[in-house]
Amino acid sequence: FQWSERMGEQAVDINFKAYRKMDFGELWGGLSYRRSLDGAEYRSGMETKGQKLNYITPVLGINYKNFLFAYTYSYQSGNVRFDNGGYHQITLGYDFGGRGEPYQCNCPGIN
């Protein structure tokens, strides 16, 4: 859930992501769907219609040693769009490390 205090806009994201270990590192992909809870009105001829912002975004990435490469394509659906196509994004990353294994502890497990 996302809420913008200044604009009072609300949106919900639903995401799915899967990982696959490979010989060279890790391959991962996912799908994201964003839906605005606030609509906007627009005119089509003499008729006033409403629409809510929708984005569908597949993502594909590779982790190789400490490097990350990911590609994302976001497509806005609906009758009123910012553009006829979608939006491409490339992410390049580097993990500087400094983190141990999760829950690395020499203490007893207490439930």
PDB file of N, CA and C in Angstrom:
ATOM      1  N   PHE A   1       0.844  -1.179   0.000  1.00  0.00           N
ATOM      2  CA  PHE A   1       0.000   0.000   0.000  1.00  0.00           C
ATOM      3  C   PHE A   1       0.885   1.236   0.000  1.00  0.00           C
ATOM      4  N   GLN A   2       0.537   2.206  -0.793  1.00  0.00           N
ATOM      5  CA  GLN A   2       1.292   3.459  -0.886  1.00  0.00           C
ATOM      6  C   GLN A   2       0.319   4.618  -0.735  1.00  0.00           C
ATOM      7  N   TRP A   3       0.712   5.590   0.084  1.00  0.00           N
ATOM      8  CA  TRP A   3      -0.127   6.767   0.284  1.00  0.00           C
ATOM      9  C   TRP A   3       0.740   8.002   0.203  1.00  0.00           C
ATOM     10  N   SER A   4       0.369   8.950  -0.625  1.00  0.00           N
ATOM     11  CA  SER A   4       1.082  10.215  -0.764  1.00  0.00           C
ATOM     12  C   SER A   4       0.346  11.262   0.064  1.00  0.00           C
ATOM     13  N   GLU A   5       0.979  11.714   1.135  1.00  0.00           N
ATOM     14  CA  GLU A   5       0.337  12.652   2.050  1.00  0.00           C
ATOM     15  C   GLU A   5       0.009  13.972   1.355  1.00  0.00           C
ATOM     16  N   ARG A   6       0.951  14.476   0.586  1.00  0.00           N
ATOM     17  CA  ARG A   6       0.773  15.779  -0.056  1.00  0.00           C
ATOM     18  C   ARG A   6      -0.378  15.774  -1.058  1.00  0.00           C
ATOM     19  N   MET A   7      -0.481  14.718  -1.862  1.00  0.00           N
ATOM     20  CA  MET A   7      -1.517  14.647  -2.895  1.00  0.00           C
ATOM     21  C   MET A   7      -2.754  13.883  -2.425  1.00  0.00           C
ATOM     22  N   GLY A   8      -2.617  13.101  -1.357  1.00  0.00           N
ATOM     23  CA  GLY A   8      -3.723  12.298  -0.869  1.00  0.00           C
ATOM     24  C   GLY A   8      -4.032  11.110  -1.762  1.00  0.00           C
ATOM     25  N   GLU A   9      -3.076  10.702  -2.600  1.00  0.00           N
ATOM     26  CA  GLU A   9      -3.286   9.584  -3.515  1.00  0.00           C
ATOM     27  C   GLU A   9      -2.947   8.258  -2.843  1.00  0.00           C
ATOM     28  N   GLN A  10      -3.649   7.224  -3.237  1.00  0.00           N
ATOM     29  CA  GLN A  10      -3.438   5.887  -2.700  1.00  0.00           C
ATOM     30  C   GLN A  10      -3.270   4.895  -3.851  1.00  0.00           C
ATOM     31  N   ALA A  11      -2.387   3.917  -3.637  1.00  0.00           N
ATOM     32  CA  ALA A  11      -2.174   2.873  -4.638  1.00  0.00           C
ATOM     33  C   ALA A  11      -1.808   1.576  -3.933  1.00  0.00           C
ATOM     34  N   VAL A  12      -2.051   0.468  -4.613  1.00  0.00           N
ATOM     35  CA  VAL A  12      -1.728  -0.863  -4.090  1.00  0.00           C
ATOM     36  C   VAL A  12      -0.843  -1.571  -5.112  1.00  0.00           C
ATOM     37  N   ASP A  13       0.207  -2.227  -4.640  1.00  0.00           N
ATOM     38  CA  ASP A  13       1.090  -3.034  -5.482  1.00  0.00           C
ATOM     39  C   ASP A  13       0.933  -4.500  -5.106  1.00  0.00           C
ATOM     40  N   ILE A  14       0.916  -5.353  -6.114  1.00  0.00           N
ATOM     41  CA  ILE A  14       0.942  -6.806  -5.910  1.00  0.00           C
ATOM     42  C   ILE A  14       2.149  -7.302  -6.691  1.00  0.00           C
ATOM     43  N   ASN A  15       3.047  -8.029  -6.012  1.00  0.00           N
ATOM     44  CA  ASN A  15       4.307  -8.435  -6.625  1.00  0.00           C
ATOM     45  C   ASN A  15       4.540  -9.930  -6.457  1.00  0.00           C
ATOM     46  N   PHE A  16       5.195 -10.507  -7.452  1.00  0.00           N
ATOM     47  CA  PHE A  16       5.605 -11.906  -7.424  1.00  0.00           C
ATOM     48  C   PHE A  16       7.038 -11.954  -7.936  1.00  0.00           C
ATOM     49  N   LYS A  17       7.899 -12.708  -7.249  1.00  0.00           N
ATOM     50  CA  LYS A  17       9.296 -12.820  -7.661  1.00  0.00           C
ATOM     51  C   LYS A  17       9.777 -14.245  -7.405  1.00  0.00           C
ATOM     52  N   ALA A  18      10.538 -14.797  -8.364  1.00  0.00           N
ATOM     53  CA  ALA A  18      11.070 -16.155  -8.243  1.00  0.00           C
ATOM     54  C   ALA A  18      12.569 -16.129  -8.517  1.00  0.00           C
ATOM     55  N   TYR A  19      13.305 -16.991  -7.815  1.00  0.00           N
ATOM     56  CA  TYR A  19      14.758 -17.079  -7.939  1.00  0.00           C
ATOM     57  C   TYR A  19      15.152 -18.462  -8.428  1.00  0.00           C
ATOM     58  N   ARG A  20      16.245 -18.529  -9.164  1.00  0.00           N
ATOM     59  CA  ARG A  20      16.792 -19.817  -9.623  1.00  0.00           C
ATOM     60  C   ARG A  20      18.311 -19.766  -9.516  1.00  0.00           C
ATOM     61  N   LYS A  21      18.875 -20.654  -8.711  1.00  0.00           N
ATOM     62  CA  LYS A  21      20.339 -20.757  -8.590  1.00  0.00           C
ATOM     63  C   LYS A  21      20.896 -21.380  -9.859  1.00  0.00           C
ATOM     64  N   MET A  22      21.966 -20.799 -10.389  1.00  0.00           N
ATOM     65  CA  MET A  22      22.617 -21.289 -11.599  1.00  0.00           C
ATOM     66  C   MET A  22      24.107 -21.474 -11.300  1.00  0.00           C
ATOM     67  N   ASP A  23      24.845 -22.051 -12.241  1.00  0.00           N
ATOM     68  CA  ASP A  23      26.288 -22.236 -12.067  1.00  0.00           C
ATOM     69  C   ASP A  23      27.023 -20.910 -11.925  1.00  0.00           C
ATOM     70  N   PHE A  24      26.573 -19.892 -12.627  1.00  0.00           N
ATOM     71  CA  PHE A  24      27.259 -18.598 -12.652  1.00  0.00           C
ATOM     72  C   PHE A  24      26.789 -17.644 -11.570  1.00  0.00           C
ATOM     73  N   GLY A  25      25.661 -17.925 -10.923  1.00  0.00           N
ATOM     74  CA  GLY A  25      25.114 -17.026  -9.907  1.00  0.00           C
ATOM     75  C   GLY A  25      23.632 -17.301  -9.712  1.00  0.00           C
ATOM     76  N   GLU A  26      22.836 -16.272  -9.830  1.00  0.00           N
ATOM     77  CA  GLU A  26      21.406 -16.406  -9.586  1.00  0.00           C
ATOM     78  C   GLU A  26      20.623 -15.649 -10.653  1.00  0.00           C
ATOM     79  N   LEU A  27      19.603 -16.295 -11.193  1.00  0.00           N
ATOM     80  CA  LEU A  27      18.713 -15.697 -12.170  1.00  0.00           C
ATOM     81  C   LEU A  27      17.378 -15.490 -11.477  1.00  0.00           C
ATOM     82  N   TRP A  28      16.776 -14.338 -11.666  1.00  0.00           N
ATOM     83  CA  TRP A  28      15.489 -14.091 -11.026  1.00  0.00           C
ATOM     84  C   TRP A  28      14.584 -13.279 -11.942  1.00  0.00           C
ATOM     85  N   GLY A  29      13.303 -13.405 -11.709  1.00  0.00           N
ATOM     86  CA  GLY A  29      12.318 -12.681 -12.488  1.00  0.00           C
ATOM     87  C   GLY A  29      11.069 -12.470 -11.669  1.00  0.00           C
ATOM     88  N   GLY A  30      10.265 -11.546 -12.118  1.00  0.00           N
ATOM     89  CA  GLY A  30       9.054 -11.268 -11.373  1.00  0.00           C
ATOM     90  C   GLY A  30       8.051 -10.479 -12.180  1.00  0.00           C
ATOM     91  N   LEU A  31       6.930 -10.231 -11.552  1.00  0.00           N
ATOM     92  CA  LEU A  31       5.855  -9.479 -12.156  1.00  0.00           C
ATOM     93  C   LEU A  31       5.246  -8.591 -11.080  1.00  0.00           C
ATOM     94  N   SER A  32       5.001  -7.339 -11.427  1.00  0.00           N
ATOM     95  CA  SER A  32       4.415  -6.389 -10.500  1.00  0.00           C
ATOM     96  C   SER A  32       3.191  -5.756 -11.134  1.00  0.00           C
ATOM     97  N   TYR A  33       2.163  -5.537 -10.328  1.00  0.00           N
ATOM     98  CA  TYR A  33       0.945  -4.877 -10.785  1.00  0.00           C
ATOM     99  C   TYR A  33       0.640  -3.746  -9.815  1.00  0.00           C
ATOM    100  N   ARG A  34       0.488  -2.542 -10.332  1.00  0.00           N
ATOM    101  CA  ARG A  34       0.154  -1.373  -9.501  1.00  0.00           C
ATOM    102  C   ARG A  34      -1.189  -0.820  -9.946  1.00  0.00           C
ATOM    103  N   ARG A  35      -2.047  -0.582  -8.963  1.00  0.00           N
ATOM    104  CA  ARG A  35      -3.391  -0.046  -9.230  1.00  0.00           C
ATOM    105  C   ARG A  35      -3.622   1.133  -8.313  1.00  0.00           C
ATOM    106  N   SER A  36      -4.005   2.255  -8.913  1.00  0.00           N
ATOM    107  CA  SER A  36      -4.364   3.438  -8.133  1.00  0.00           C
ATOM    108  C   SER A  36      -5.747   3.232  -7.539  1.00  0.00           C
ATOM    109  N   LEU A  37      -5.913   3.612  -6.300  1.00  0.00           N
ATOM    110  CA  LEU A  37      -7.229   3.527  -5.677  1.00  0.00           C
ATOM    111  C   LEU A  37      -8.041   4.788  -5.944  1.00  0.00           C
ATOM    112  N   ASP A  38      -7.380   5.834  -6.398  1.00  0.00           N
ATOM    113  CA  ASP A  38      -8.044   7.089  -6.744  1.00  0.00           C
ATOM    114  C   ASP A  38      -8.160   7.167  -8.258  1.00  0.00           C
ATOM    115  N   GLY A  39      -9.290   7.551  -8.732  1.00  0.00           N
ATOM    116  CA  GLY A  39      -9.494   7.647 -10.167  1.00  0.00           C
ATOM    117  C   GLY A  39      -9.380   9.074 -10.656  1.00  0.00           C
ATOM    118  N   ALA A  40      -9.331   9.201 -11.958  1.00  0.00           N
ATOM    119  CA  ALA A  40      -9.326  10.512 -12.609  1.00  0.00           C
ATOM    120  C   ALA A  40     -10.443  10.511 -13.648  1.00  0.00           C
ATOM    121  N   GLU A  41     -11.107  11.640 -13.762  1.00  0.00           N
ATOM    122  CA  GLU A  41     -12.162  11.752 -14.762  1.00  0.00           C
ATOM    123  C   GLU A  41     -11.595  12.374 -16.026  1.00  0.00           C
ATOM    124  N   TYR A  42     -12.120  11.934 -17.165  1.00  0.00           N
ATOM    125  CA  TYR A  42     -11.732  12.509 -18.453  1.00  0.00           C
ATOM    126  C   TYR A  42     -12.953  12.539 -19.358  1.00  0.00           C
ATOM    127  N   ARG A  43     -12.890  13.365 -20.381  1.00  0.00           N
ATOM    128  CA  ARG A  43     -14.004  13.498 -21.316  1.00  0.00           C
ATOM    129  C   ARG A  43     -13.698  12.742 -22.596  1.00  0.00           C
ATOM    130  N   SER A  44     -14.666  11.996 -23.042  1.00  0.00           N
ATOM    131  CA  SER A  44     -14.604  11.296 -24.320  1.00  0.00           C
ATOM    132  C   SER A  44     -15.818  11.744 -25.117  1.00  0.00           C
ATOM    133  N   GLY A  45     -15.583  12.719 -26.001  1.00  0.00           N
ATOM    134  CA  GLY A  45     -16.713  13.325 -26.706  1.00  0.00           C
ATOM    135  C   GLY A  45     -17.513  14.156 -25.719  1.00  0.00           C
ATOM    136  N   MET A  46     -18.778  13.873 -25.591  1.00  0.00           N
ATOM    137  CA  MET A  46     -19.645  14.589 -24.648  1.00  0.00           C
ATOM    138  C   MET A  46     -19.811  13.820 -23.339  1.00  0.00           C
ATOM    139  N   GLU A  47     -19.174  12.678 -23.239  1.00  0.00           N
ATOM    140  CA  GLU A  47     -19.339  11.808 -22.070  1.00  0.00           C
ATOM    141  C   GLU A  47     -18.155  11.947 -21.116  1.00  0.00           C
ATOM    142  N   THR A  48     -18.428  11.987 -19.819  1.00  0.00           N
ATOM    143  CA  THR A  48     -17.385  12.010 -18.802  1.00  0.00           C
ATOM    144  C   THR A  48     -17.192  10.594 -18.284  1.00  0.00           C
ATOM    145  N   LYS A  49     -15.949  10.125 -18.339  1.00  0.00           N
ATOM    146  CA  LYS A  49     -15.622   8.768 -17.899  1.00  0.00           C
ATOM    147  C   LYS A  49     -14.576   8.833 -16.797  1.00  0.00           C
ATOM    148  N   GLY A  50     -14.411   7.743 -16.086  1.00  0.00           N
ATOM    149  CA  GLY A  50     -13.402   7.651 -15.034  1.00  0.00           C
ATOM    150  C   GLY A  50     -12.424   6.534 -15.325  1.00  0.00           C
ATOM    151  N   GLN A  51     -11.209   6.697 -14.829  1.00  0.00           N
ATOM    152  CA  GLN A  51     -10.183   5.671 -15.022  1.00  0.00           C
ATOM    153  C   GLN A  51      -9.236   5.682 -13.841  1.00  0.00           C
ATOM    154  N   LYS A  52      -8.755   4.499 -13.474  1.00  0.00           N
ATOM    155  CA  LYS A  52      -7.750   4.362 -12.429  1.00  0.00           C
ATOM    156  C   LYS A  52      -6.437   3.938 -13.060  1.00  0.00           C
ATOM    157  N   LEU A  53      -5.348   4.481 -12.560  1.00  0.00           N
ATOM    158  CA  LEU A  53      -4.021   4.208 -13.101  1.00  0.00           C
ATOM    159  C   LEU A  53      -3.636   2.748 -12.857  1.00  0.00           C
ATOM    160  N   ASN A  54      -3.175   2.061 -13.906  1.00  0.00           N
ATOM    161  CA  ASN A  54      -2.755   0.658 -13.831  1.00  0.00           C
ATOM    162  C   ASN A  54      -1.401   0.504 -14.497  1.00  0.00           C
ATOM    163  N   TYR A  55      -0.476  -0.173 -13.830  1.00  0.00           N
ATOM    164  CA  TYR A  55       0.818  -0.503 -14.410  1.00  0.00           C
ATOM    165  C   TYR A  55       1.051  -2.004 -14.294  1.00  0.00           C
ATOM    166  N   ILE A  56       1.539  -2.612 -15.361  1.00  0.00           N
ATOM    167  CA  ILE A  56       1.974  -4.005 -15.355  1.00  0.00           C
ATOM    168  C   ILE A  56       3.461  -3.984 -15.664  1.00  0.00           C
ATOM    169  N   THR A  57       4.276  -4.590 -14.792  1.00  0.00           N
ATOM    170  CA  THR A  57       5.728  -4.496 -14.923  1.00  0.00           C
ATOM    171  C   THR A  57       6.395  -5.853 -14.745  1.00  0.00           C
ATOM    172  N   PRO A  58       6.868  -6.476 -15.830  1.00  0.00           N
ATOM    173  CA  PRO A  58       7.722  -7.656 -15.680  1.00  0.00           C
ATOM    174  C   PRO A  58       9.163  -7.209 -15.433  1.00  0.00           C
ATOM    175  N   VAL A  59       9.913  -8.020 -14.700  1.00  0.00           N
ATOM    176  CA  VAL A  59      11.318  -7.705 -14.400  1.00  0.00           C
ATOM    177  C   VAL A  59      12.132  -8.992 -14.516  1.00  0.00           C
ATOM    178  N   LEU A  60      13.363  -8.865 -15.026  1.00  0.00           N
ATOM    179  CA  LEU A  60      14.272  -9.990 -15.176  1.00  0.00           C
ATOM    180  C   LEU A  60      15.644  -9.540 -14.701  1.00  0.00           C
ATOM    181  N   GLY A  61      16.301 -10.359 -13.882  1.00  0.00           N
ATOM    182  CA  GLY A  61      17.598  -9.958 -13.343  1.00  0.00           C
ATOM    183  C   GLY A  61      18.564 -11.113 -13.183  1.00  0.00           C
ATOM    184  N   ILE A  62      19.845 -10.742 -13.082  1.00  0.00           N
ATOM    185  CA  ILE A  62      20.930 -11.698 -12.875  1.00  0.00           C
ATOM    186  C   ILE A  62      21.827 -11.177 -11.764  1.00  0.00           C
ATOM    187  N   ASN A  63      22.167 -12.051 -10.816  1.00  0.00           N
ATOM    188  CA  ASN A  63      23.188 -11.757  -9.808  1.00  0.00           C
ATOM    189  C   ASN A  63      24.411 -12.597 -10.158  1.00  0.00           C
ATOM    190  N   TYR A  64      25.539 -11.930 -10.360  1.00  0.00           N
ATOM    191  CA  TYR A  64      26.792 -12.612 -10.676  1.00  0.00           C
ATOM    192  C   TYR A  64      27.849 -12.094  -9.719  1.00  0.00           C
ATOM    193  N   LYS A  65      28.323 -12.975  -8.838  1.00  0.00           N
ATOM    194  CA  LYS A  65      29.243 -12.585  -7.768  1.00  0.00           C
ATOM    195  C   LYS A  65      28.622 -11.413  -7.021  1.00  0.00           C
ATOM    196  N   ASN A  66      29.282 -10.266  -6.948  1.00  0.00           N
ATOM    197  CA  ASN A  66      28.720  -9.121  -6.232  1.00  0.00           C
ATOM    198  C   ASN A  66      27.976  -8.156  -7.158  1.00  0.00           C
ATOM    199  N   PHE A  67      27.807  -8.505  -8.427  1.00  0.00           N
ATOM    200  CA  PHE A  67      27.174  -7.616  -9.381  1.00  0.00           C
ATOM    201  C   PHE A  67      25.718  -8.011  -9.613  1.00  0.00           C
ATOM    202  N   LEU A  68      24.907  -7.019  -9.933  1.00  0.00           N
ATOM    203  CA  LEU A  68      23.503  -7.231 -10.238  1.00  0.00           C
ATOM    204  C   LEU A  68      23.186  -6.494 -11.534  1.00  0.00           C
ATOM    205  N   PHE A  69      22.438  -7.143 -12.411  1.00  0.00           N
ATOM    206  CA  PHE A  69      21.921  -6.522 -13.623  1.00  0.00           C
ATOM    207  C   PHE A  69      20.442  -6.866 -13.706  1.00  0.00           C
ATOM    208  N   ALA A  70      19.602  -5.864 -13.951  1.00  0.00           N
ATOM    209  CA  ALA A  70      18.164  -6.112 -14.063  1.00  0.00           C
ATOM    210  C   ALA A  70      17.566  -5.245 -15.160  1.00  0.00           C
ATOM    211  N   TYR A  71      16.538  -5.791 -15.815  1.00  0.00           N
ATOM    212  CA  TYR A  71      15.799  -5.067 -16.841  1.00  0.00           C
ATOM    213  C   TYR A  71      14.321  -5.082 -16.471  1.00  0.00           C
ATOM    214  N   THR A  72      13.688  -3.930 -16.587  1.00  0.00           N
ATOM    215  CA  THR A  72      12.276  -3.782 -16.259  1.00  0.00           C
ATOM    216  C   THR A  72      11.570  -3.057 -17.396  1.00  0.00           C
ATOM    217  N   TYR A  73      10.360  -3.487 -17.684  1.00  0.00           N
ATOM    218  CA  TYR A  73       9.531  -2.809 -18.661  1.00  0.00           C
ATOM    219  C   TYR A  73       8.172  -2.556 -18.025  1.00  0.00           C
ATOM    220  N   SER A  74       7.785  -1.299 -17.874  1.00  0.00           N
ATOM    221  CA  SER A  74       6.490  -0.946 -17.278  1.00  0.00           C
ATOM    222  C   SER A  74       5.532  -0.510 -18.371  1.00  0.00           C
ATOM    223  N   TYR A  75       4.344  -1.093 -18.356  1.00  0.00           N
ATOM    224  CA  TYR A  75       3.323  -0.751 -19.335  1.00  0.00           C
ATOM    225  C   TYR A  75       2.106  -0.219 -18.599  1.00  0.00           C
ATOM    226  N   GLN A  76       1.649   0.948 -19.009  1.00  0.00           N
ATOM    227  CA  GLN A  76       0.462   1.554 -18.416  1.00  0.00           C
ATOM    228  C   GLN A  76      -0.746   1.164 -19.251  1.00  0.00           C
ATOM    229  N   SER A  77      -1.759   0.592 -18.617  1.00  0.00           N
ATOM    230  CA  SER A  77      -2.957   0.193 -19.337  1.00  0.00           C
ATOM    231  C   SER A  77      -4.076   1.204 -19.114  1.00  0.00           C
ATOM    232  N   GLY A  78      -5.099   1.126 -19.933  1.00  0.00           N
ATOM    233  CA  GLY A  78      -6.246   2.027 -19.819  1.00  0.00           C
ATOM    234  C   GLY A  78      -6.395   2.882 -21.065  1.00  0.00           C
ATOM    235  N   ASN A  79      -7.491   3.633 -21.112  1.00  0.00           N
ATOM    236  CA  ASN A  79      -7.772   4.482 -22.264  1.00  0.00           C
ATOM    237  C   ASN A  79      -6.917   5.742 -22.286  1.00  0.00           C
ATOM    238  N   VAL A  80      -6.630   6.301 -21.121  1.00  0.00           N
ATOM    239  CA  VAL A  80      -5.825   7.515 -21.030  1.00  0.00           C
ATOM    240  C   VAL A  80      -4.460   7.116 -20.489  1.00  0.00           C
ATOM    241  N   ARG A  81      -3.406   7.330 -21.299  1.00  0.00           N
ATOM    242  CA  ARG A  81      -2.053   6.941 -20.905  1.00  0.00           C
ATOM    243  C   ARG A  81      -1.127   8.116 -21.135  1.00  0.00           C
ATOM    244  N   PHE A  82       0.018   8.105 -20.433  1.00  0.00           N
ATOM    245  CA  PHE A  82       1.027   9.145 -20.610  1.00  0.00           C
ATOM    246  C   PHE A  82       1.705   9.023 -21.971  1.00  0.00           C
ATOM    247  N   ASP A  83       1.785   7.791 -22.492  1.00  0.00           N
ATOM    248  CA  ASP A  83       2.493   7.521 -23.739  1.00  0.00           C
ATOM    249  C   ASP A  83       1.886   6.271 -24.365  1.00  0.00           C
ATOM    250  N   ASN A  84       2.114   6.050 -25.655  1.00  0.00           N
ATOM    251  CA  ASN A  84       1.576   4.868 -26.332  1.00  0.00           C
ATOM    252  C   ASN A  84       2.359   3.605 -26.001  1.00  0.00           C
ATOM    253  N   GLY A  85       3.631   3.733 -25.649  1.00  0.00           N
ATOM    254  CA  GLY A  85       4.472   2.579 -25.342  1.00  0.00           C
ATOM    255  C   GLY A  85       4.631   2.407 -23.844  1.00  0.00           C
ATOM    256  N   GLY A  86       5.688   1.719 -23.480  1.00  0.00           N
ATOM    257  CA  GLY A  86       5.989   1.494 -22.084  1.00  0.00           C
ATOM    258  C   GLY A  86       7.274   2.197 -21.692  1.00  0.00           C
ATOM    259  N   TYR A  87       7.752   1.886 -20.516  1.00  0.00           N
ATOM    260  CA  TYR A  87       8.949   2.517 -19.973  1.00  0.00           C
ATOM    261  C   TYR A  87       9.982   1.446 -19.656  1.00  0.00           C
ATOM    262  N   HIS A  88      11.182   1.613 -20.178  1.00  0.00           N
ATOM    263  CA  HIS A  88      12.274   0.677 -19.955  1.00  0.00           C
ATOM    264  C   HIS A  88      13.153   1.186 -18.819  1.00  0.00           C
ATOM    265  N   GLN A  89      13.672   0.263 -18.015  1.00  0.00           N
ATOM    266  CA  GLN A  89      14.599   0.625 -16.946  1.00  0.00           C
ATOM    267  C   GLN A  89      15.662  -0.454 -16.844  1.00  0.00           C
ATOM    268  N   ILE A  90      16.911  -0.028 -16.787  1.00  0.00           N
ATOM    269  CA  ILE A  90      18.031  -0.941 -16.584  1.00  0.00           C
ATOM    270  C   ILE A  90      18.669  -0.586 -15.247  1.00  0.00           C
ATOM    271  N   THR A  91      18.906  -1.597 -14.428  1.00  0.00           N
ATOM    272  CA  THR A  91      19.523  -1.395 -13.127  1.00  0.00           C
ATOM    273  C   THR A  91      20.854  -2.125 -13.087  1.00  0.00           C
ATOM    274  N   LEU A  92      21.893  -1.425 -12.703  1.00  0.00           N
ATOM    275  CA  LEU A  92      23.214  -2.003 -12.481  1.00  0.00           C
ATOM    276  C   LEU A  92      23.553  -1.797 -11.014  1.00  0.00           C
ATOM    277  N   GLY A  93      23.995  -2.852 -10.357  1.00  0.00           N
ATOM    278  CA  GLY A  93      24.276  -2.736  -8.938  1.00  0.00           C
ATOM    279  C   GLY A  93      25.514  -3.498  -8.531  1.00  0.00           C
ATOM    280  N   TYR A  94      26.034  -3.133  -7.375  1.00  0.00           N
ATOM    281  CA  TYR A  94      27.183  -3.812  -6.794  1.00  0.00           C
ATOM    282  C   TYR A  94      26.946  -3.960  -5.305  1.00  0.00           C
ATOM    283  N   ASP A  95      27.120  -5.171  -4.780  1.00  0.00           N
ATOM    284  CA  ASP A  95      26.955  -5.442  -3.357  1.00  0.00           C
ATOM    285  C   ASP A  95      28.319  -5.327  -2.685  1.00  0.00           C
ATOM    286  N   PHE A  96      28.491  -4.310  -1.864  1.00  0.00           N
ATOM    287  CA  PHE A  96      29.766  -4.078  -1.180  1.00  0.00           C
ATOM    288  C   PHE A  96      29.993  -5.039  -0.024  1.00  0.00           C
ATOM    289  N   GLY A  97      29.002  -5.843   0.304  1.00  0.00           N
ATOM    290  CA  GLY A  97      29.163  -6.851   1.355  1.00  0.00           C
ATOM    291  C   GLY A  97      29.028  -6.238   2.732  1.00  0.00           C
ATOM    292  N   GLY A  98      29.728  -6.830   3.676  1.00  0.00           N
ATOM    293  CA  GLY A  98      29.655  -6.338   5.046  1.00  0.00           C
ATOM    294  C   GLY A  98      28.536  -6.965   5.853  1.00  0.00           C
ATOM    295  N   ARG A  99      27.772  -7.840   5.226  1.00  0.00           N
ATOM    296  CA  ARG A  99      26.689  -8.506   5.936  1.00  0.00           C
ATOM    297  C   ARG A  99      27.052  -9.968   6.165  1.00  0.00           C
ATOM    298  N   GLY A 100      26.739 -10.467   7.320  1.00  0.00           N
ATOM    299  CA  GLY A 100      26.924 -11.891   7.598  1.00  0.00           C
ATOM    300  C   GLY A 100      25.695 -12.655   7.144  1.00  0.00           C
ATOM    301  N   GLU A 101      25.706 -13.919   7.397  1.00  0.00           N
ATOM    302  CA  GLU A 101      24.547 -14.733   7.088  1.00  0.00           C
ATOM    303  C   GLU A 101      23.375 -14.290   7.960  1.00  0.00           C
ATOM    304  N   PRO A 102      22.154 -14.408   7.466  1.00  0.00           N
ATOM    305  CA  PRO A 102      21.003 -14.026   8.281  1.00  0.00           C
ATOM    306  C   PRO A 102      20.936 -14.868   9.551  1.00  0.00           C
ATOM    307  N   TYR A 103      20.655 -14.232  10.628  1.00  0.00           N
ATOM    308  CA  TYR A 103      20.479 -14.879  11.929  1.00  0.00           C
ATOM    309  C   TYR A 103      21.727 -15.625  12.384  1.00  0.00           C
ATOM    310  N   GLN A 104      22.893 -15.091  12.056  1.00  0.00           N
ATOM    311  CA  GLN A 104      24.144 -15.698  12.502  1.00  0.00           C
ATOM    312  C   GLN A 104      24.313 -15.359  13.986  1.00  0.00           C
ATOM    313  N   CYS A 105      24.125 -16.355  14.814  1.00  0.00           N
ATOM    314  CA  CYS A 105      24.098 -16.093  16.244  1.00  0.00           C
ATOM    315  C   CYS A 105      24.531 -17.364  17.000  1.00  0.00           C
ATOM    316  N   ASN A 106      25.307 -17.205  18.029  1.00  0.00           N
ATOM    317  CA  ASN A 106      25.689 -18.309  18.908  1.00  0.00           C
ATOM    318  C   ASN A 106      24.860 -18.266  20.175  1.00  0.00           C
ATOM    319  N   CYS A 107      23.579 -18.062  20.015  1.00  0.00           N
ATOM    320  CA  CYS A 107      22.693 -17.982  21.177  1.00  0.00           C
ATOM    321  C   CYS A 107      21.592 -19.035  21.033  1.00  0.00           C
ATOM    322  N   PRO A 108      21.000 -19.441  22.140  1.00  0.00           N
ATOM    323  CA  PRO A 108      19.931 -20.472  22.063  1.00  0.00           C
ATOM    324  C   PRO A 108      18.676 -19.893  21.415  1.00  0.00           C
ATOM    325  N   GLY A 109      17.972 -20.759  20.674  1.00  0.00           N
ATOM    326  CA  GLY A 109      16.703 -20.361  20.077  1.00  0.00           C
ATOM    327  C   GLY A 109      15.604 -20.394  21.121  1.00  0.00           C
ATOM    328  N   ILE A 110      14.963 -19.271  21.339  1.00  0.00           N
ATOM    329  CA  ILE A 110      13.889 -19.185  22.324  1.00  0.00           C
ATOM    330  C   ILE A 110      12.609 -18.840  21.575  1.00  0.00           C
ATOM    331  N   ASN A 111      11.609 -19.683  21.720  1.00  0.00           N
ATOM    332  CA  ASN A 111      10.335 -19.444  21.017  1.00  0.00           C
ATOM    333  C   ASN A 111       9.281 -18.968  21.961  1.00  0.00           C
TER     334      ASN A 111
END
